[in-house]
């Protein structure tokens, strides 16, 4: 895939998160998204998978070795009603591997990727991460697409069936959600949202006529919103690199960052629409696609549910620190 070629051609532009150059990684993701959000949507999970594998190695966990250098990766960790993917140690594969049985929802680009990291139930109540080679030769079948989205049309995300697919465990049970990189990856997605919003906002700078006071107001509001989102990402990147974004602190930071950036991006879409009217959405194919792509991608954030989760964490910390300590809210 073109995105994997980009990573191999410009490795210095996409460093691992937490390696001291997280800001550069997120700036690179945002820069790609500002030009082509579809490309960034493809690039982000591939980089996330590479970061997960690196994090596993650094933690002393085994990772699959027989993977080609040009492998293209996805990360499939969603759950959905009526479907379940289970891992069974039935000794039907190589030593140390398991077999995956069931269906996984929301598997983006599964028909185009060579490999994926997937979460599967290894007991009635616990899940574990596994590396799996995709394709029918390994018992992996992408269901006929039901992707009717008007945004990200080239990134179908549908169910995938696993019929005894051989898979390699990555990290112990529960490790995928407990590791620091889970929060870092969530903030990396926010960097892509920011870049996508920048791409939409640039429509305001293409003047058709001299902007009146209302147009100037929208430009000012968009500029301030994007400035705040970027400042938030810059601060978060520094926290990731200096060790202040691990454990519960990392989870809280990810909720804050994703909220700030998502609301800024939604405001950009609204204000650009108000400032420019229907013409760009109806007559400018590039702009209409950017808006549709960004609106769909933003729904990966859980909106009010994430706001409630953030509020719960803030209140819990306020109680734990007695209402005034450094672990509570910054206000």
Foldseek 3Di string as FASTA:
>chain_A
DVLLVVCVVCVVQQDAALPQPLVSNLVSLLQVLLVPLLSSVQNLQQSLVVNLLVVLVVVVWDDDDPDDPSFREGEQEDDDPPWFKAWAQPVPDDPQKTFIFIKGFFTKPLVPGQKYWYWHDDDPPWIFIWIFGGDVVQQKAFPDFPDPAPASPVTTTGMMGGDRGIIHTRDDIPCCVQWLSVLVSLLSLLSSLLSLLNNLLCVLVPDPDDDDPLSVVLNVLLVVLSVVLSVLSVVVSVCSNVVNQHGPSVVLSSLVSLVSSLVSSVSSLVSSCVNPPCCCCVPPVVNVRSSSHSVVSNVVDVPPVSVVVNVVLQVVQCVVVVNDDPSHDPD
